[in-house]
Amino acid sequence: MMYKIDKKGFYGEFGGAFIPEMLYPNIRELQSEYLQIIGSDDFREEYYSLLRNYAGRPSPLYYAARLSEHYKTRIFLKREDLNHTGAHKINNTIGQILIARRMGKTRVVAETGAGQHGVAAATVCALAGLKCVVYMGKLDVERQAPNVQRMRMLGAEVIPVMSGNMTLKDATNEAIRDWISNPADTYYMIGSVVGPHPYPDLVTKLQSVISEEIKIQLQEQTGRKNPDSIIACVGGGSNAAGSFYHFLDEKEVKLIAVEAAGKGTETGESAATIAIGSPGIIHGSRTILMQNDDGQITEPYSVSAGLDYPGIGPLFAWLNEKGRVIFENATDKEALDAAFLLMRLEGIIPALESAHALAALGKMTFTENDIVVVIISGRGDKDMEAFVRYAEQNNL
C-alpha cells in the first residue's frame, strides 16, 4: 500500500512516538509484539469469531432509498450503529483486549469523549475478566450521562477529569499518566488512530474490517466492489481510517472526511483540525493540531463529544498533505439538521458524530448514478438530550 506506515511508525513526516522516557518500556513492548500477535492464526480466529458472534458483524450495508431520492444519488449507509454497544468502537476494543490478554496484562485504562469507546472498553473488560478504568472529561460525563451509567453497570471505574476544558484531550492526558504509573500490569486501550506508534497503525488495522465488508457487500448488492465516494466523520479518525483502509490505493474512489466545525471555523469555537490547524506534537504523535502561535494547544469545541479533539490521527495528516482525502467540515447546526433529515426519511437516529458525515451530502455534488457510502459510526441514544433541545428550539 502506498499509504502504509513505515518501520519507525511514520506516515511521511507524521506519526512516530514522542513520549516521556518513563513510557518507553510500555511502548517498546507493544511495538515489538503487536504485529506478531494480530498476524497469528489463533488471534485472527478468535478475533473474527467474536466480531461475528459477539459484536454482530458484518454490520449491514443499507440502501437508503428515500435519502437517495432526496439527494438525487444512490446512498448506502454502513450501519456501524447496529454493532453491540452501538458504534464502531467495539471492533477495536475486541482486538485490543485479545492483545492485552496475550501480553499478560490484568488491568486496562482507556480514555473516552462521547463515551462510546469507554462503553466498548468496559464491555470487553467484563468479557475478559480484566479490571477497567475509564478517564472521561467532567463536561463529557455530564453531557453523556447514559454512557457513564452503562460503563459503571459493566463494572468499570469512571474517573471524571477536571483539567483543561474537561473533554477528550484531558481524558487522554490522564489515561497516559496512569499508564506511566502502572507499567507492569496495565494495558492502555486507546480509542482512536492517535497517540504514539504503534497505536495509529494498530487501531487502523483493527477497524479495517469496515472497508473489508463494504467491498464484499457492494459486490453482492451492485455488482461493484468500489463505490464512487465514501463519507465518514473524523475527530481522531478511527471510523474513517477503517472505512477508507481498503480503498486507499483505489484512486477512483473519493474519500471524504468530515470534521466538526462547531460554531464555524472562523469563530474560535471549532474542532476542524485540518481547516485551522498546523503541524505539531500531541499525545506522542507528530500530526496536525489546533495550537496558538506559541505552540500551546487551543481548546476545541463541538456539539459532538466524540469529535471534540484538538488533533487528528497522523494518517489523516499525511493523507491531507498527499491530497488523497477530501476534507469537509460541518457546523453543529448542519449536523443536527442532517440528523433530523435521516430520522424523518429513514427512521434512523444517528450519533451526532455520524450526523457530520451526513451533512456533507448537502455540500458535495454527485450524479444520479453515483454510489455513495456514508458511515453511520454510532447510534444517537447518547445524544437524545441535544436532539430534544434542538427540536424544541426549532419546532421540529
Protein backbone atom coordinates (compact mmCIF):
# COMPACT_ATOMS: atom_id res chain seq x y z
CA MET A 1 0.00 0.00 0.00
CA MET A 2 1.19 3.48 -0.87
CA TYR A 3 -0.06 4.97 2.40
CA LYS A 4 1.10 2.36 4.92
CA ILE A 5 3.17 3.20 7.97
CA ASP A 6 6.96 2.79 7.90
CA LYS A 7 9.09 0.78 10.32
CA LYS A 8 9.60 3.78 12.62
CA GLY A 9 5.91 4.48 12.86
CA PHE A 10 5.65 7.38 10.42
CA TYR A 11 3.25 8.22 7.62
CA GLY A 12 5.55 10.50 5.69
CA GLU A 13 6.55 13.18 8.22
CA PHE A 14 3.66 12.41 10.60
CA GLY A 15 3.45 9.84 13.38
CA GLY A 16 6.30 8.48 15.49
CA ALA A 17 6.50 8.06 19.25
CA PHE A 18 7.35 11.33 21.01
CA ILE A 19 6.93 10.17 24.58
CA PRO A 20 8.41 10.62 28.07
CA GLU A 21 11.34 8.34 28.88
CA MET A 22 9.23 6.57 31.52
CA LEU A 23 6.79 5.46 28.83
CA TYR A 24 9.37 3.88 26.52
CA PRO A 25 9.25 0.38 28.09
CA ASN A 26 5.46 0.22 27.65
CA ILE A 27 5.58 1.41 24.05
CA ARG A 28 8.53 -0.75 23.06
CA GLU A 29 6.82 -3.83 24.47
CA LEU A 30 3.72 -3.16 22.36
CA GLN A 31 5.74 -2.23 19.27
CA SER A 32 7.67 -5.48 19.45
CA GLU A 33 4.63 -7.71 19.86
CA TYR A 34 1.54 -6.25 18.15
CA LEU A 35 2.20 -7.28 14.54
CA GLN A 36 3.13 -10.82 15.50
CA ILE A 37 0.04 -11.13 17.72
CA ILE A 38 -2.54 -9.76 15.25
CA GLY A 39 -0.97 -11.70 12.38
CA SER A 40 -1.17 -15.05 14.17
CA ASP A 41 -3.76 -17.62 13.17
CA ASP A 42 -5.09 -18.07 16.69
CA PHE A 43 -5.63 -14.31 17.15
CA ARG A 44 -7.41 -13.94 13.82
CA GLU A 45 -9.64 -16.93 14.51
CA GLU A 46 -10.66 -15.61 17.94
CA TYR A 47 -10.98 -12.01 16.74
CA TYR A 48 -13.25 -12.78 13.79
CA SER A 49 -15.29 -15.23 15.85
CA LEU A 50 -16.01 -12.53 18.44
CA LEU A 51 -16.77 -9.94 15.74
CA ARG A 52 -19.29 -12.33 14.24
CA ASN A 53 -20.85 -13.97 17.30
CA TYR A 54 -20.46 -11.28 19.95
CA ALA A 55 -20.39 -7.92 18.16
CA GLY A 56 -22.88 -8.93 15.46
CA ARG A 57 -20.79 -8.35 12.35
CA PRO A 58 -20.98 -7.95 9.46
CA SER A 59 -22.87 -4.71 10.02
CA PRO A 60 -25.48 -4.11 7.30
CA LEU A 61 -24.84 -2.00 4.21
CA TYR A 62 -28.27 -0.47 3.75
CA TYR A 63 -29.55 1.22 0.59
CA ALA A 64 -31.32 4.36 1.83
CA ALA A 65 -33.97 4.81 -0.86
CA ARG A 66 -35.69 7.93 0.48
CA LEU A 67 -32.41 9.66 1.35
CA SER A 68 -31.15 8.76 -2.12
CA GLU A 69 -34.24 10.31 -3.68
CA HIS A 70 -33.74 13.47 -1.62
CA TYR A 71 -30.11 13.93 -2.76
CA LYS A 72 -30.63 12.52 -6.28
CA THR A 73 -27.92 9.90 -6.00
CA ARG A 74 -27.51 6.32 -4.72
CA ILE A 75 -26.72 6.33 -0.98
CA PHE A 76 -25.75 3.29 1.07
CA LEU A 77 -25.39 3.52 4.85
CA LYS A 78 -22.79 1.35 6.59
CA ARG A 79 -24.63 0.62 9.82
CA GLU A 80 -21.92 0.55 12.50
CA ASP A 81 -24.61 1.81 14.87
CA LEU A 82 -26.05 -1.72 14.87
CA ASN A 83 -22.92 -3.27 16.40
CA HIS A 84 -23.01 -4.44 20.02
CA THR A 85 -22.52 -1.31 22.20
CA GLY A 86 -23.87 0.90 19.41
CA ALA A 87 -20.78 2.05 17.50
CA HIS A 88 -17.70 1.04 15.53
CA LYS A 89 -15.61 1.18 18.72
CA ILE A 90 -16.24 -2.48 19.55
CA ASN A 91 -14.17 -3.58 16.51
CA ASN A 92 -11.09 -2.04 18.09
CA THR A 93 -11.67 -2.98 21.72
CA ILE A 94 -12.24 -6.66 20.93
CA GLY A 95 -8.89 -6.74 19.15
CA GLN A 96 -7.06 -4.85 21.87
CA ILE A 97 -8.45 -6.93 24.73
CA LEU A 98 -7.13 -10.03 22.99
CA ILE A 99 -3.73 -8.35 22.69
CA ALA A 100 -3.77 -7.29 26.36
CA ARG A 101 -4.56 -10.83 27.45
CA ARG A 102 -1.78 -12.28 25.28
CA MET A 103 0.64 -9.77 26.82
CA GLY A 104 -0.31 -10.90 30.32
CA LYS A 105 -1.97 -7.65 31.41
CA THR A 106 -4.66 -7.69 34.10
CA ARG A 107 -5.78 -4.05 34.11
CA VAL A 108 -6.95 -1.75 31.30
CA VAL A 109 -7.06 2.05 31.19
CA ALA A 110 -8.92 3.95 28.49
CA GLU A 111 -9.98 7.48 27.58
CA THR A 112 -13.35 8.44 26.17
CA GLY A 113 -15.16 11.52 24.86
CA ALA A 114 -18.66 10.62 23.71
CA GLY A 115 -18.46 7.55 25.90
CA GLN A 116 -18.76 5.00 23.08
CA HIS A 117 -15.15 3.87 23.40
CA GLY A 118 -15.48 3.79 27.18
CA VAL A 119 -18.55 1.58 26.92
CA ALA A 120 -16.81 -0.69 24.40
CA ALA A 121 -13.72 -0.91 26.64
CA ALA A 122 -15.83 -1.68 29.71
CA THR A 123 -17.73 -4.30 27.71
CA VAL A 124 -14.68 -6.27 26.59
CA CYS A 125 -13.03 -6.00 30.00
CA ALA A 126 -16.14 -7.58 31.52
CA LEU A 127 -15.98 -10.27 28.83
CA ALA A 128 -12.31 -10.99 29.57
CA GLY A 129 -12.44 -10.54 33.35
CA LEU A 130 -9.97 -7.63 33.44
CA LYS A 131 -10.22 -4.51 35.59
CA CYS A 132 -11.22 -1.38 33.63
CA VAL A 133 -10.57 2.28 34.45
CA VAL A 134 -12.00 4.91 32.10
CA TYR A 135 -10.95 8.57 32.15
CA MET A 136 -13.58 11.00 30.91
CA GLY A 137 -13.65 14.80 30.95
CA LYS A 138 -16.11 16.20 33.51
CA LEU A 139 -18.01 18.08 30.78
CA ASP A 140 -18.42 14.87 28.80
CA VAL A 141 -19.50 12.99 31.94
CA GLU A 142 -22.34 15.50 32.27
CA ARG A 143 -23.44 15.57 28.62
CA GLN A 144 -23.06 11.83 28.05
CA ALA A 145 -24.64 10.58 31.29
CA PRO A 146 -26.30 7.46 29.80
CA ASN A 147 -22.94 6.12 28.62
CA VAL A 148 -21.37 6.83 32.02
CA GLN A 149 -24.12 4.75 33.62
CA ARG A 150 -23.55 1.94 31.12
CA MET A 151 -19.80 1.86 31.86
CA ARG A 152 -20.41 1.65 35.59
CA MET A 153 -23.03 -1.09 35.20
CA LEU A 154 -20.44 -3.07 33.23
CA GLY A 155 -18.06 -2.82 36.19
CA ALA A 156 -15.73 -0.06 35.02
CA GLU A 157 -14.43 2.72 37.24
CA VAL A 158 -15.17 6.07 35.55
CA ILE A 159 -12.91 8.93 36.66
CA PRO A 160 -14.05 12.48 35.78
CA VAL A 161 -11.15 14.68 34.64
CA MET A 162 -11.22 18.28 35.88
CA SER A 163 -8.25 19.75 33.98
CA GLY A 164 -8.27 21.83 30.77
CA ASN A 165 -11.68 22.13 29.13
CA MET A 166 -12.63 18.78 30.71
CA THR A 167 -13.11 16.89 27.43
CA LEU A 168 -11.36 14.20 25.38
CA LYS A 169 -7.89 15.76 25.23
CA ASP A 170 -7.75 15.99 29.00
CA ALA A 171 -9.06 12.47 29.48
CA THR A 172 -6.30 11.19 27.18
CA ASN A 173 -3.67 13.06 29.22
CA GLU A 174 -4.83 11.37 32.42
CA ALA A 175 -5.03 7.90 30.88
CA ILE A 176 -1.41 8.22 29.69
CA ARG A 177 -0.30 9.40 33.16
CA ASP A 178 -1.98 6.35 34.68
CA TRP A 179 -0.21 4.06 32.22
CA ILE A 180 3.16 5.58 33.07
CA SER A 181 2.49 4.95 36.75
CA ASN A 182 1.37 1.33 36.28
CA PRO A 183 3.50 -0.19 33.52
CA ALA A 184 3.73 -3.78 34.72
CA ASP A 185 0.09 -4.86 34.86
CA THR A 186 -1.71 -2.19 32.77
CA TYR A 187 -2.64 -2.04 29.10
CA TYR A 188 -3.65 1.30 27.58
CA MET A 189 -6.61 0.69 25.29
CA ILE A 190 -6.58 3.79 23.10
CA GLY A 191 -9.81 4.57 21.28
CA SER A 192 -8.73 6.21 18.03
CA VAL A 193 -5.94 6.34 15.43
CA VAL A 194 -3.98 8.79 17.56
CA GLY A 195 -1.15 8.57 20.08
CA PRO A 196 2.36 7.17 19.78
CA HIS A 197 3.30 4.37 17.39
CA PRO A 198 2.02 1.65 17.17
CA TYR A 199 -1.49 2.82 18.13
CA PRO A 200 -2.43 4.63 14.89
CA ASP A 201 -1.48 1.56 12.85
CA LEU A 202 -2.92 -0.93 15.33
CA VAL A 203 -6.33 0.76 15.56
CA THR A 204 -6.48 1.28 11.78
CA LYS A 205 -5.84 -2.41 11.16
CA LEU A 206 -8.50 -3.47 13.68
CA GLN A 207 -11.07 -1.06 12.22
CA SER A 208 -10.29 -2.05 8.62
CA VAL A 209 -12.93 -4.76 8.91
CA ILE A 210 -15.37 -1.99 7.94
CA SER A 211 -13.89 -1.42 4.47
CA GLU A 212 -13.28 -5.14 4.07
CA GLU A 213 -17.02 -5.71 4.47
CA ILE A 214 -18.04 -2.77 2.26
CA LYS A 215 -16.24 -4.32 -0.72
CA ILE A 216 -18.00 -7.67 -0.26
CA GLN A 217 -21.42 -6.14 0.39
CA LEU A 218 -21.27 -3.69 -2.52
CA GLN A 219 -20.29 -6.52 -4.86
CA GLU A 220 -23.30 -8.52 -3.68
CA GLN A 221 -25.76 -5.61 -3.98
CA THR A 222 -24.50 -3.69 -7.01
CA GLY A 223 -22.01 -5.90 -8.83
CA ARG A 224 -19.23 -3.43 -7.98
CA LYS A 225 -16.62 -3.67 -5.23
CA ASN A 226 -15.84 0.03 -5.22
CA PRO A 227 -18.22 2.94 -4.60
CA ASP A 228 -17.68 6.33 -6.18
CA SER A 229 -17.40 8.03 -2.77
CA ILE A 230 -17.12 7.15 0.91
CA ILE A 231 -18.02 9.73 3.54
CA ALA A 232 -17.06 9.44 7.22
CA CYS A 233 -16.83 11.83 10.13
CA VAL A 234 -13.38 12.38 11.61
CA GLY A 235 -12.21 13.52 15.02
CA GLY A 236 -9.19 11.37 15.81
CA GLY A 237 -10.32 9.31 12.83
CA SER A 238 -10.81 5.63 13.71
CA ASN A 239 -14.07 5.01 11.88
CA ALA A 240 -12.81 6.91 8.83
CA ALA A 241 -9.47 5.06 8.87
CA GLY A 242 -11.23 1.71 8.97
CA SER A 243 -13.73 2.71 6.30
CA PHE A 244 -11.07 4.09 3.92
CA TYR A 245 -8.34 1.48 4.50
CA HIS A 246 -9.03 -1.00 1.68
CA PHE A 247 -9.76 1.85 -0.75
CA LEU A 248 -6.65 3.99 -0.17
CA ASP A 249 -4.93 2.68 -3.29
CA GLU A 250 -8.15 2.75 -5.36
CA LYS A 251 -7.65 6.20 -6.84
CA GLU A 252 -11.08 6.31 -8.48
CA VAL A 253 -12.80 6.20 -5.06
CA LYS A 254 -13.28 9.63 -3.49
CA LEU A 255 -12.61 9.55 0.24
CA ILE A 256 -14.34 12.36 2.12
CA ALA A 257 -13.58 13.08 5.78
CA VAL A 258 -15.87 15.48 7.63
CA GLU A 259 -14.63 17.42 10.64
CA ALA A 260 -16.67 19.24 13.27
CA ALA A 261 -16.73 22.98 12.51
CA GLY A 262 -18.60 23.68 15.74
CA LYS A 263 -19.98 27.21 15.55
CA GLY A 264 -17.81 27.92 12.47
CA THR A 265 -14.12 27.62 11.65
CA GLU A 266 -13.68 31.38 11.98
CA THR A 267 -15.34 31.68 15.42
CA GLY A 268 -12.70 30.18 17.69
CA GLU A 269 -15.25 27.53 18.71
CA SER A 270 -14.44 24.68 16.36
CA ALA A 271 -12.80 21.25 16.20
CA ALA A 272 -11.94 21.30 12.48
CA THR A 273 -8.26 20.46 12.84
CA ILE A 274 -7.31 20.24 9.17
CA ALA A 275 -9.13 23.51 8.41
CA ILE A 276 -7.46 25.59 11.12
CA GLY A 277 -4.56 23.52 12.50
CA SER A 278 -0.82 23.26 11.87
CA PRO A 279 1.90 20.61 12.38
CA GLY A 280 2.92 19.82 15.93
CA ILE A 281 3.04 17.07 18.54
CA ILE A 282 0.11 15.89 20.64
CA HIS A 283 -0.19 12.77 22.77
CA GLY A 284 3.06 11.31 21.49
CA SER A 285 2.49 11.76 17.75
CA ARG A 286 3.51 14.37 15.18
CA THR A 287 0.40 15.40 13.32
CA ILE A 288 -1.84 18.39 12.59
CA LEU A 289 -3.34 20.01 15.67
CA MET A 290 -5.03 23.19 16.85
CA GLN A 291 -2.48 25.46 18.52
CA ASN A 292 -1.63 29.10 19.01
CA ASP A 293 1.47 30.94 17.76
CA ASP A 294 3.41 29.79 20.83
CA GLY A 295 2.61 26.13 20.16
CA GLN A 296 0.10 25.84 23.02
CA ILE A 297 -2.85 23.56 22.23
CA THR A 298 -6.07 25.52 21.79
CA GLU A 299 -9.33 24.14 23.14
CA PRO A 300 -11.67 22.55 20.57
CA TYR A 301 -15.44 22.82 20.56
CA SER A 302 -18.17 20.68 19.01
CA VAL A 303 -21.69 19.70 19.96
CA SER A 304 -20.49 16.12 19.42
CA ALA A 305 -18.27 14.94 22.27
CA GLY A 306 -16.56 12.31 20.11
CA LEU A 307 -15.25 14.93 17.64
CA ASP A 308 -14.23 17.42 20.34
CA TYR A 309 -10.47 16.78 19.96
CA PRO A 310 -7.76 19.32 19.01
CA GLY A 311 -5.79 16.96 16.74
CA ILE A 312 -6.23 14.31 14.09
CA GLY A 313 -4.61 10.93 13.50
CA PRO A 314 -1.23 11.14 11.74
CA LEU A 315 -2.51 9.00 8.86
CA PHE A 316 -5.02 11.74 8.06
CA ALA A 317 -2.41 14.48 8.32
CA TRP A 318 -0.45 12.56 5.67
CA LEU A 319 -3.49 11.82 3.50
CA ASN A 320 -4.35 15.50 3.58
CA GLU A 321 -0.83 16.50 2.56
CA LYS A 322 -0.85 14.00 -0.31
CA GLY A 323 -4.32 15.11 -1.43
CA ARG A 324 -5.76 11.59 -1.14
CA VAL A 325 -8.65 12.57 1.16
CA ILE A 326 -11.08 15.44 0.62
CA PHE A 327 -11.68 17.26 3.90
CA GLU A 328 -15.04 18.90 4.53
CA ASN A 329 -16.45 20.27 7.75
CA ALA A 330 -19.95 20.75 9.15
CA THR A 331 -21.24 23.10 11.83
CA ASP A 332 -23.32 21.99 14.79
CA LYS A 333 -26.46 23.22 13.04
CA GLU A 334 -25.65 21.48 9.76
CA ALA A 335 -25.03 18.22 11.60
CA LEU A 336 -28.24 18.48 13.63
CA ASP A 337 -30.27 19.27 10.52
CA ALA A 338 -28.74 16.28 8.71
CA ALA A 339 -29.53 14.03 11.69
CA PHE A 340 -33.20 15.05 11.69
CA LEU A 341 -33.41 14.55 7.94
CA LEU A 342 -32.20 10.95 8.35
CA MET A 343 -34.63 10.38 11.20
CA ARG A 344 -37.60 11.60 9.18
CA LEU A 345 -36.65 9.92 5.89
CA GLU A 346 -35.19 6.60 7.03
CA GLY A 347 -36.24 6.06 10.65
CA ILE A 348 -32.64 6.00 11.87
CA ILE A 349 -31.38 8.16 14.77
CA PRO A 350 -27.62 8.63 14.22
CA ALA A 351 -24.97 9.71 16.67
CA LEU A 352 -24.11 13.39 16.46
CA GLU A 353 -20.67 12.36 15.22
CA SER A 354 -22.19 10.42 12.31
CA ALA A 355 -24.52 13.34 11.56
CA HIS A 356 -21.47 15.36 10.47
CA ALA A 357 -20.81 12.79 7.73
CA LEU A 358 -24.45 13.02 6.65
CA ALA A 359 -24.18 16.82 6.49
CA ALA A 360 -21.54 16.52 3.76
CA LEU A 361 -24.17 15.10 1.40
CA GLY A 362 -25.54 18.62 1.01
CA LYS A 363 -22.09 20.08 0.34
CA MET A 364 -20.92 17.72 -2.40
CA THR A 365 -22.02 17.19 -6.00
CA PHE A 366 -22.98 13.67 -7.06
CA THR A 367 -24.59 12.25 -10.21
CA GLU A 368 -27.73 10.12 -10.18
CA ASN A 369 -25.68 7.01 -10.92
CA ASP A 370 -23.00 7.55 -8.28
CA ILE A 371 -22.73 5.08 -5.44
CA VAL A 372 -22.07 6.95 -2.19
CA VAL A 373 -21.37 5.10 1.07
CA VAL A 374 -21.91 7.06 4.29
CA ILE A 375 -20.59 5.59 7.53
CA ILE A 376 -23.12 5.71 10.37
CA SER A 377 -20.45 5.27 13.02
CA GLY A 378 -22.79 5.19 16.01
CA ARG A 379 -26.36 5.43 17.22
CA GLY A 380 -27.95 8.51 18.72
CA ASP A 381 -29.24 7.18 22.05
CA LYS A 382 -26.49 9.03 23.90
CA ASP A 383 -27.36 12.33 22.18
CA MET A 384 -31.08 12.43 22.92
CA GLU A 385 -30.81 15.46 25.19
CA ALA A 386 -29.15 17.52 22.43
CA PHE A 387 -31.69 16.31 19.86
CA VAL A 388 -34.68 17.11 22.08
CA ARG A 389 -33.33 20.58 22.87
CA TYR A 390 -32.73 21.32 19.17
CA ALA A 391 -36.19 20.04 18.22
CA GLU A 392 -37.85 22.25 20.83
CA GLN A 393 -35.87 25.31 19.75
CA ASN A 394 -36.73 24.78 16.08
CA ASN A 395 -40.28 23.40 16.36
CA LEU A 396 -39.29 20.12 14.71
